């Protein structure tokens, strides 16, 4: 699936991933290929990206994620660490 992480300043990440884990308002959740469509608010916390067997972690300061047709778009307030 294609994951894009965008802040008001720049595109932080774009690429094919096998999974992504987010910190939501009610706790962590994971998105895999062919996930059901959804929109969720994100809290301040970790975004864990798995691609080609490697894991990359970013810390965002809240935002929104949309999942639709194997496209995952994250609109983040900012990336604190990455």
C-alpha atoms as a PDB file:
ATOM      1  CA  UNK A   1       0.000   0.000   0.000  1.00  0.00           C
ATOM      2  CA  UNK A   2       1.119   3.579  -0.558  1.00  0.00           C
ATOM      3  CA  UNK A   3       1.768   5.731   2.533  1.00  0.00           C
ATOM      4  CA  UNK A   4       2.204   9.516   2.460  1.00  0.00           C
ATOM      5  CA  UNK A   5       2.998  11.585   5.554  1.00  0.00           C
ATOM      6  CA  UNK A   6       2.570  15.308   5.003  1.00  0.00           C
ATOM      7  CA  UNK A   7       3.045  18.311   7.306  1.00  0.00           C
ATOM      8  CA  UNK A   8       2.103  21.907   6.486  1.00  0.00           C
ATOM      9  CA  UNK A   9       5.773  22.488   5.537  1.00  0.00           C
ATOM     10  CA  UNK A  10       6.728  19.407   3.506  1.00  0.00           C
ATOM     11  CA  UNK A  11       6.156  15.799   2.513  1.00  0.00           C
ATOM     12  CA  UNK A  12       7.972  13.756   5.170  1.00  0.00           C
ATOM     13  CA  UNK A  13       7.496  10.266   3.720  1.00  0.00           C
ATOM     14  CA  UNK A  14       6.126   8.655   0.577  1.00  0.00           C
ATOM     15  CA  UNK A  15       6.491   5.023  -0.372  1.00  0.00           C
ATOM     16  CA  UNK A  16       5.157   1.488  -0.509  1.00  0.00           C
ATOM     17  CA  UNK A  17       4.785  -0.107   2.932  1.00  0.00           C
ATOM     18  CA  UNK A  18       3.530  -3.431   4.241  1.00  0.00           C
ATOM     19  CA  UNK A  19       2.116  -1.950   7.463  1.00  0.00           C
ATOM     20  CA  UNK A  20       1.838   1.257   9.462  1.00  0.00           C
ATOM     21  CA  UNK A  21       1.043   1.642  13.162  1.00  0.00           C
ATOM     22  CA  UNK A  22      -0.421   4.883  14.520  1.00  0.00           C
ATOM     23  CA  UNK A  23      -1.240   6.430  17.894  1.00  0.00           C
ATOM     24  CA  UNK A  24      -4.943   7.231  17.850  1.00  0.00           C
ATOM     25  CA  UNK A  25      -7.098   8.982  20.427  1.00  0.00           C
ATOM     26  CA  UNK A  26      -8.049   5.607  21.977  1.00  0.00           C
ATOM     27  CA  UNK A  27      -4.678   3.881  21.600  1.00  0.00           C
ATOM     28  CA  UNK A  28      -2.509   2.320  18.900  1.00  0.00           C
ATOM     29  CA  UNK A  29      -3.890   0.759  15.743  1.00  0.00           C
ATOM     30  CA  UNK A  30      -2.305  -0.861  12.699  1.00  0.00           C
ATOM     31  CA  UNK A  31      -3.160  -0.550   9.017  1.00  0.00           C
ATOM     32  CA  UNK A  32      -2.334  -3.398   6.612  1.00  0.00           C
ATOM     33  CA  UNK A  33      -2.938  -3.862   2.878  1.00  0.00           C
ATOM     34  CA  UNK A  34      -6.627  -3.950   1.871  1.00  0.00           C
ATOM     35  CA  UNK A  35      -7.693  -2.276   5.130  1.00  0.00           C
ATOM     36  CA  UNK A  36     -11.277  -1.064   5.283  1.00  0.00           C
ATOM     37  CA  UNK A  37     -11.759   2.648   4.459  1.00  0.00           C
ATOM     38  CA  UNK A  38     -11.454   4.892   7.512  1.00  0.00           C
ATOM     39  CA  UNK A  39     -10.589   8.344   8.785  1.00  0.00           C
ATOM     40  CA  UNK A  40      -9.141   8.770  12.281  1.00  0.00           C
ATOM     41  CA  UNK A  41      -7.726  11.527  14.459  1.00  0.00           C
ATOM     42  CA  UNK A  42      -4.154  10.951  15.581  1.00  0.00           C
ATOM     43  CA  UNK A  43      -2.669  11.951  18.906  1.00  0.00           C
ATOM     44  CA  UNK A  44       0.887  12.932  19.664  1.00  0.00           C
ATOM     45  CA  UNK A  45       2.930   9.768  19.357  1.00  0.00           C
ATOM     46  CA  UNK A  46       4.719   7.208  17.264  1.00  0.00           C
ATOM     47  CA  UNK A  47       4.129   6.244  13.650  1.00  0.00           C
ATOM     48  CA  UNK A  48       5.844   2.927  12.928  1.00  0.00           C
ATOM     49  CA  UNK A  49       6.359   2.137   9.226  1.00  0.00           C
ATOM     50  CA  UNK A  50       7.329  -1.327   7.975  1.00  0.00           C
ATOM     51  CA  UNK A  51       8.681  -1.484   4.414  1.00  0.00           C
ATOM     52  CA  UNK A  52      10.937  -4.102   2.814  1.00  0.00           C
ATOM     53  CA  UNK A  53      11.406  -5.793   6.183  1.00  0.00           C
ATOM     54  CA  UNK A  54      12.746  -2.622   7.829  1.00  0.00           C
ATOM     55  CA  UNK A  55      10.982  -0.567  10.486  1.00  0.00           C
ATOM     56  CA  UNK A  56      11.169   3.235  10.616  1.00  0.00           C
ATOM     57  CA  UNK A  57       9.683   5.271  13.467  1.00  0.00           C
ATOM     58  CA  UNK A  58       8.537   8.893  13.437  1.00  0.00           C
ATOM     59  CA  UNK A  59       7.042  10.923  16.274  1.00  0.00           C
ATOM     60  CA  UNK A  60       4.238  13.236  15.187  1.00  0.00           C
ATOM     61  CA  UNK A  61       2.401  15.970  17.065  1.00  0.00           C
ATOM     62  CA  UNK A  62      -1.128  14.873  16.168  1.00  0.00           C
ATOM     63  CA  UNK A  63      -3.056  14.951  12.927  1.00  0.00           C
ATOM     64  CA  UNK A  64      -5.461  12.916  10.791  1.00  0.00           C
ATOM     65  CA  UNK A  65      -5.097   9.679   8.811  1.00  0.00           C
ATOM     66  CA  UNK A  66      -7.241   8.573   5.867  1.00  0.00           C
ATOM     67  CA  UNK A  67      -7.193   4.997   4.538  1.00  0.00           C
ATOM     68  CA  UNK A  68      -8.845   4.350   1.161  1.00  0.00           C
ATOM     69  CA  UNK A  69      -8.098   1.817  -1.614  1.00  0.00           C
ATOM     70  CA  UNK A  70      -4.613   0.906  -0.308  1.00  0.00           C
ATOM     71  CA  UNK A  71      -3.658   4.600  -0.063  1.00  0.00           C
ATOM     72  CA  UNK A  72      -2.878   5.924   3.407  1.00  0.00           C
ATOM     73  CA  UNK A  73      -2.513   9.680   3.802  1.00  0.00           C
ATOM     74  CA  UNK A  74      -1.377  11.225   7.086  1.00  0.00           C
ATOM     75  CA  UNK A  75      -1.796  14.967   7.576  1.00  0.00           C
ATOM     76  CA  UNK A  76       0.415  15.639  10.606  1.00  0.00           C
ATOM     77  CA  UNK A  77       0.693  18.843  12.621  1.00  0.00           C
ATOM     78  CA  UNK A  78       4.470  18.357  12.674  1.00  0.00           C
ATOM     79  CA  UNK A  79       7.128  15.670  12.904  1.00  0.00           C
ATOM     80  CA  UNK A  80       8.991  15.953  16.206  1.00  0.00           C
ATOM     81  CA  UNK A  81      11.514  13.141  15.656  1.00  0.00           C
ATOM     82  CA  UNK A  82      12.257  10.969  12.707  1.00  0.00           C
END
